[in-house]
Amino acid sequence: MQSGKAVWPWVLGVVVVGGAGTWLFRDQLQGLADGVSVPVQSTPTSAGAVPKPVAVEEPAPPPIRHPLDAEAAADPALPKLADSDAVAWSALSELFQGEGALTALLRDHLIQRLVTQVDNLDKASVPPTALAARPLPGSLQVEQGEGGERIAAANAARYAPYVQAFTAIDPAAAAVTYKRFYPLIQQAYVDLGKPDGYFNDRLVSVIDHLLDTPELAQAPLVERDERGRYRFVDATLQSRSIGQKALLRMDAAQARAVKQQLRAIRAAITHG
């Protein structure tokens, strides 16, 4: 658990552009894009005969569970994905009623970064290239408590402006913006090496994963590792995903507010 890492940009990504694949880091992610190899028949053949490849039936793409009426909502004037940074940033600024809550986000390759980050939120750890934002200022605040050091109540102040901005968004308006940009979002997801994947299904799955974050009776115990970074003492908490750890670092009221908003956004992107 790194004390300086931002816990909030992932929420910004879940909300608006819904994102997860990134053009900028395609080289690092290229291993995910390998296709299915076709085995070659290995039975003996007559001299000079060319063995014929065995036809292999490709598996059917998984069924779409949460289809969007994205074609009707999409903006025909959208630029190409590679040229979408300015218009995507403008749309985010409108949803968040200003750029104050967006200062941590990296503005270049915005949709691609957000798609990549969301796709990594249910992983136990992610490379820095999968993050869409800069670290938040300051460091994790701890205090001595029963049994050792715990995340301090004062730590919630670091997240407060982002929680407030996130929970103030109109979920219906966020869904409209998401559907408008969905063709670019889906393209970014395919570019991640998910040619048969449907990003809205992935987003709903990630939201459900975040909603499964346990609610603790008190702030969790933490300790420093050999590199001086804080980690949860409870091994079951430490083994959880980067997204769930972000919620666990908030105070209880903040985590509940975020979950409530995530449920509202989930409803908005799964019903029409």
Protein backbone atom coordinates (compact mmCIF):
# COMPACT_ATOMS: atom_id res chain seq x y z
CA MET A 1 0.00 0.00 0.00
CA GLN A 2 1.86 3.04 -1.22
CA SER A 3 1.21 6.10 0.89
CA GLY A 4 1.61 8.61 -1.92
CA LYS A 5 -0.58 6.96 -4.54
CA ALA A 6 -3.83 8.65 -5.47
CA VAL A 7 -6.94 6.72 -4.54
CA TRP A 8 -9.25 8.95 -6.47
CA PRO A 9 -8.46 8.97 -10.14
CA TRP A 10 -9.85 5.49 -10.52
CA VAL A 11 -13.22 6.78 -9.39
CA LEU A 12 -13.07 9.57 -11.95
CA GLY A 13 -12.42 6.91 -14.57
CA VAL A 14 -15.27 4.68 -13.42
CA VAL A 15 -17.66 7.57 -13.56
CA VAL A 16 -17.29 9.28 -16.81
CA VAL A 17 -15.38 7.93 -19.62
CA GLY A 18 -15.83 4.64 -17.88
CA GLY A 19 -12.52 3.67 -18.98
CA ALA A 20 -10.04 0.90 -19.06
CA GLY A 21 -6.39 0.29 -22.67
CA THR A 22 -3.95 2.70 -23.53
CA TRP A 23 -2.43 3.77 -26.79
CA LEU A 24 0.56 5.29 -25.09
CA PHE A 25 1.51 2.02 -23.39
CA ARG A 26 0.57 -0.43 -26.13
CA ASP A 27 4.10 -1.80 -26.28
CA GLN A 28 3.99 -2.82 -22.61
CA LEU A 29 0.56 -4.36 -23.07
CA GLN A 30 1.24 -6.05 -26.39
CA GLY A 31 1.50 -9.44 -24.75
CA LEU A 32 -2.22 -9.33 -24.04
CA ALA A 33 -3.02 -9.03 -27.72
CA ASP A 34 -1.59 -12.32 -28.98
CA GLY A 35 -4.01 -14.21 -31.19
CA VAL A 36 -4.93 -17.88 -31.05
CA SER A 37 -2.41 -20.02 -32.90
CA VAL A 38 -3.66 -22.67 -35.32
CA PRO A 39 -2.03 -26.07 -34.78
CA VAL A 40 -0.63 -27.85 -37.84
CA GLN A 41 -1.41 -31.46 -38.59
CA SER A 42 1.56 -33.62 -37.59
CA THR A 43 0.64 -36.95 -39.20
CA PRO A 44 3.14 -38.41 -41.67
CA THR A 45 2.77 -37.29 -45.28
CA SER A 46 4.12 -38.53 -48.55
CA ALA A 47 7.38 -37.11 -49.81
CA GLY A 48 7.02 -33.64 -51.13
CA ALA A 49 3.45 -33.26 -49.82
CA VAL A 50 2.68 -30.09 -47.94
CA PRO A 51 0.88 -30.78 -44.67
CA LYS A 52 -2.47 -29.04 -44.41
CA PRO A 53 -3.31 -27.08 -41.30
CA VAL A 54 -6.07 -28.46 -39.16
CA ALA A 55 -9.04 -26.16 -39.10
CA VAL A 56 -9.73 -24.96 -35.57
CA GLU A 57 -13.05 -23.44 -34.75
CA GLU A 58 -12.59 -20.13 -32.98
CA PRO A 59 -14.51 -19.88 -29.71
CA ALA A 60 -17.60 -17.73 -29.90
CA PRO A 61 -17.30 -14.30 -28.29
CA PRO A 62 -18.90 -14.15 -24.85
CA PRO A 63 -22.48 -12.88 -24.89
CA ILE A 64 -22.99 -9.21 -24.05
CA ARG A 65 -24.66 -8.96 -20.66
CA HIS A 66 -25.19 -5.22 -20.39
CA PRO A 67 -25.74 -3.81 -23.89
CA LEU A 68 -25.83 -0.06 -24.40
CA ASP A 69 -27.86 1.78 -27.00
CA ALA A 70 -24.60 3.53 -27.74
CA GLU A 71 -25.09 3.97 -31.48
CA ALA A 72 -28.13 6.18 -30.98
CA ALA A 73 -26.39 8.19 -28.25
CA ALA A 74 -23.01 8.51 -29.94
CA ASP A 75 -21.94 11.86 -31.28
CA PRO A 76 -21.25 11.61 -35.04
CA ALA A 77 -18.92 14.59 -34.70
CA LEU A 78 -16.57 12.78 -32.32
CA PRO A 79 -12.95 12.96 -33.41
CA LYS A 80 -10.79 9.90 -33.84
CA LEU A 81 -9.54 8.32 -30.63
CA ALA A 82 -6.02 9.61 -31.22
CA ASP A 83 -7.39 13.17 -31.43
CA SER A 84 -9.95 12.97 -28.61
CA ASP A 85 -8.07 14.46 -25.65
CA ALA A 86 -9.45 18.00 -25.86
CA VAL A 87 -13.09 17.06 -26.33
CA ALA A 88 -12.91 14.34 -23.65
CA TRP A 89 -11.34 16.75 -21.17
CA SER A 90 -14.02 19.33 -21.92
CA ALA A 91 -16.78 16.78 -21.29
CA LEU A 92 -15.20 15.74 -17.99
CA SER A 93 -14.91 19.36 -16.89
CA GLU A 94 -18.61 19.90 -17.56
CA LEU A 95 -19.58 16.86 -15.52
CA PHE A 96 -17.36 17.87 -12.62
CA GLN A 97 -18.36 21.54 -12.93
CA GLY A 98 -14.81 22.71 -13.36
CA GLU A 99 -11.30 21.31 -13.52
CA GLY A 100 -10.50 21.44 -9.81
CA ALA A 101 -11.23 17.77 -9.15
CA LEU A 102 -9.43 16.73 -12.32
CA THR A 103 -6.02 18.18 -11.58
CA ALA A 104 -4.57 14.73 -10.76
CA LEU A 105 -5.55 13.26 -14.13
CA LEU A 106 -3.03 13.03 -16.95
CA ARG A 107 -4.57 14.81 -19.91
CA ASP A 108 -2.83 13.16 -22.83
CA HIS A 109 -4.32 9.92 -24.16
CA LEU A 110 -7.09 10.51 -21.64
CA ILE A 111 -9.66 7.94 -22.75
CA GLN A 112 -7.00 5.29 -23.30
CA ARG A 113 -5.49 5.88 -19.85
CA LEU A 114 -8.87 5.74 -18.12
CA VAL A 115 -9.80 2.54 -19.91
CA THR A 116 -6.49 0.98 -18.91
CA GLN A 117 -6.83 2.01 -15.29
CA VAL A 118 -10.36 0.72 -14.88
CA ASP A 119 -9.37 -2.58 -16.45
CA ASN A 120 -6.68 -2.93 -13.77
CA LEU A 121 -8.72 -1.95 -10.71
CA ASP A 122 -9.50 -5.51 -9.70
CA LYS A 123 -5.83 -6.54 -9.85
CA ALA A 124 -3.70 -6.93 -6.71
CA SER A 125 -1.06 -4.62 -8.16
CA VAL A 126 -0.58 -2.67 -11.36
CA PRO A 127 2.39 -1.12 -13.14
CA PRO A 128 2.69 2.68 -13.05
CA THR A 129 1.87 2.72 -16.77
CA ALA A 130 -1.65 1.51 -15.93
CA LEU A 131 -2.43 4.58 -13.84
CA ALA A 132 -4.29 7.54 -15.27
CA ALA A 133 -3.27 10.07 -12.65
CA ARG A 134 -0.51 11.61 -10.65
CA PRO A 135 -0.16 10.80 -6.94
CA LEU A 136 -2.16 12.93 -4.58
CA PRO A 137 -0.17 15.46 -2.57
CA GLY A 138 0.85 14.50 0.92
CA SER A 139 1.26 11.03 2.38
CA LEU A 140 -0.82 8.51 4.25
CA GLN A 141 -1.64 9.77 7.74
CA VAL A 142 -1.39 7.23 10.56
CA GLU A 143 -1.88 7.37 14.32
CA GLN A 144 -1.12 5.08 17.22
CA GLY A 145 -4.12 3.04 18.23
CA GLU A 146 -5.11 -0.23 19.79
CA GLY A 147 -2.77 -2.93 18.52
CA GLY A 148 -0.43 -0.58 16.64
CA GLU A 149 -0.58 2.09 13.97
CA ARG A 150 -3.86 2.66 12.16
CA ILE A 151 -4.91 4.93 9.32
CA ALA A 152 -5.68 8.24 11.01
CA ALA A 153 -9.02 10.00 10.86
CA ALA A 154 -7.14 13.03 9.52
CA ASN A 155 -6.22 11.04 6.43
CA ALA A 156 -9.76 11.47 5.11
CA ALA A 157 -9.05 15.15 4.44
CA ARG A 158 -6.78 14.17 1.53
CA TYR A 159 -9.68 12.49 -0.24
CA ALA A 160 -12.50 14.83 0.78
CA PRO A 161 -12.48 17.16 -2.26
CA TYR A 162 -12.51 14.21 -4.67
CA VAL A 163 -15.23 12.34 -2.79
CA GLN A 164 -17.33 15.49 -2.77
CA ALA A 165 -16.82 16.08 -6.50
CA PHE A 166 -17.57 12.47 -7.37
CA THR A 167 -20.73 12.18 -5.31
CA ALA A 168 -22.02 15.50 -6.68
CA ILE A 169 -22.12 14.19 -10.26
CA ASP A 170 -25.53 13.47 -11.73
CA PRO A 171 -25.39 9.75 -12.61
CA ALA A 172 -27.83 10.23 -15.49
CA ALA A 173 -25.68 12.98 -16.99
CA ALA A 174 -22.58 10.82 -16.55
CA ALA A 175 -24.32 7.99 -18.41
CA VAL A 176 -25.23 10.31 -21.28
CA THR A 177 -21.61 11.42 -21.62
CA TYR A 178 -20.39 7.84 -21.35
CA LYS A 179 -22.70 6.71 -24.15
CA ARG A 180 -21.68 9.67 -26.28
CA PHE A 181 -18.04 8.64 -26.07
CA TYR A 182 -18.66 4.91 -26.01
CA PRO A 183 -17.41 4.21 -29.56
CA LEU A 184 -14.00 5.64 -28.59
CA ILE A 185 -14.06 3.85 -25.24
CA GLN A 186 -14.82 0.54 -26.90
CA GLN A 187 -12.06 1.14 -29.43
CA ALA A 188 -9.58 1.79 -26.61
CA TYR A 189 -10.67 -1.46 -24.97
CA VAL A 190 -10.19 -3.41 -28.19
CA ASP A 191 -6.76 -1.79 -28.58
CA LEU A 192 -5.88 -3.32 -25.21
CA GLY A 193 -6.01 -6.71 -26.83
CA LYS A 194 -9.70 -7.40 -26.12
CA PRO A 195 -11.09 -7.82 -29.64
CA ASP A 196 -14.10 -9.79 -28.41
CA GLY A 197 -14.60 -7.87 -25.19
CA TYR A 198 -17.46 -5.46 -24.50
CA PHE A 199 -16.27 -2.65 -22.29
CA ASN A 200 -19.58 -1.88 -20.61
CA ASP A 201 -19.67 -5.45 -19.29
CA ARG A 202 -16.13 -4.98 -17.99
CA LEU A 203 -17.05 -1.69 -16.32
CA VAL A 204 -20.06 -3.23 -14.57
CA SER A 205 -17.87 -6.11 -13.39
CA VAL A 206 -15.31 -3.70 -11.95
CA ILE A 207 -18.02 -1.66 -10.21
CA ASP A 208 -19.43 -4.86 -8.68
CA HIS A 209 -15.93 -5.76 -7.52
CA LEU A 210 -15.54 -2.38 -5.82
CA LEU A 211 -18.95 -2.72 -4.18
CA ASP A 212 -17.74 -5.98 -2.62
CA THR A 213 -15.09 -4.11 -0.61
CA PRO A 214 -15.58 -5.01 3.07
CA GLU A 215 -16.74 -2.36 5.51
CA LEU A 216 -14.53 -2.30 8.58
CA ALA A 217 -15.62 -1.55 12.13
CA GLN A 218 -12.51 0.59 12.66
CA ALA A 219 -9.60 1.97 10.69
CA PRO A 220 -7.25 -0.84 9.63
CA LEU A 221 -3.88 -1.49 11.19
CA VAL A 222 -0.88 -0.68 9.00
CA GLU A 223 2.86 -1.30 9.12
CA ARG A 224 5.87 -0.34 7.03
CA ASP A 225 7.43 -2.88 4.71
CA GLU A 226 11.13 -3.30 4.02
CA ARG A 227 11.00 -0.39 1.57
CA GLY A 228 9.33 1.92 4.06
CA ARG A 229 5.91 1.83 2.46
CA TYR A 230 2.76 1.24 4.46
CA ARG A 231 0.87 -2.00 4.05
CA PHE A 232 -2.15 -3.50 5.79
CA VAL A 233 -1.26 -5.77 8.70
CA ASP A 234 -4.23 -8.01 7.89
CA ALA A 235 -3.03 -10.26 5.07
CA THR A 236 -6.54 -10.62 3.66
CA LEU A 237 -6.78 -6.84 3.26
CA GLN A 238 -3.26 -6.55 1.86
CA SER A 239 -4.06 -9.17 -0.79
CA ARG A 240 -7.08 -7.27 -2.08
CA SER A 241 -7.10 -5.36 -5.34
CA ILE A 242 -5.79 -1.86 -5.87
CA GLY A 243 -9.36 -0.60 -6.25
CA GLN A 244 -10.61 -2.15 -3.03
CA LYS A 245 -7.55 -0.92 -1.15
CA ALA A 246 -8.39 2.60 -2.28
CA LEU A 247 -11.80 2.32 -0.63
CA LEU A 248 -10.27 0.78 2.49
CA ARG A 249 -7.98 3.80 2.91
CA MET A 250 -10.97 6.16 3.05
CA ASP A 251 -12.96 6.63 6.21
CA ALA A 252 -16.22 4.73 6.56
CA ALA A 253 -18.48 7.64 5.59
CA GLN A 254 -16.48 8.37 2.44
CA ALA A 255 -16.46 4.72 1.37
CA ARG A 256 -20.24 4.47 1.86
CA ALA A 257 -20.81 7.63 -0.19
CA VAL A 258 -18.61 6.36 -3.01
CA LYS A 259 -20.39 3.00 -3.04
CA GLN A 260 -23.78 4.68 -3.15
CA GLN A 261 -22.71 6.71 -6.17
CA LEU A 262 -21.22 3.65 -7.85
CA ARG A 263 -24.56 1.86 -7.46
CA ALA A 264 -26.36 4.80 -9.05
CA ILE A 265 -23.91 4.87 -11.96
CA ARG A 266 -24.23 1.12 -12.40
CA ALA A 267 -28.00 1.47 -12.68
CA ALA A 268 -27.62 4.28 -15.21
CA ILE A 269 -25.40 2.23 -17.54
CA THR A 270 -27.35 -1.01 -17.32
CA HIS A 271 -30.87 0.24 -17.99
CA GLY A 272 -31.16 1.65 -21.49
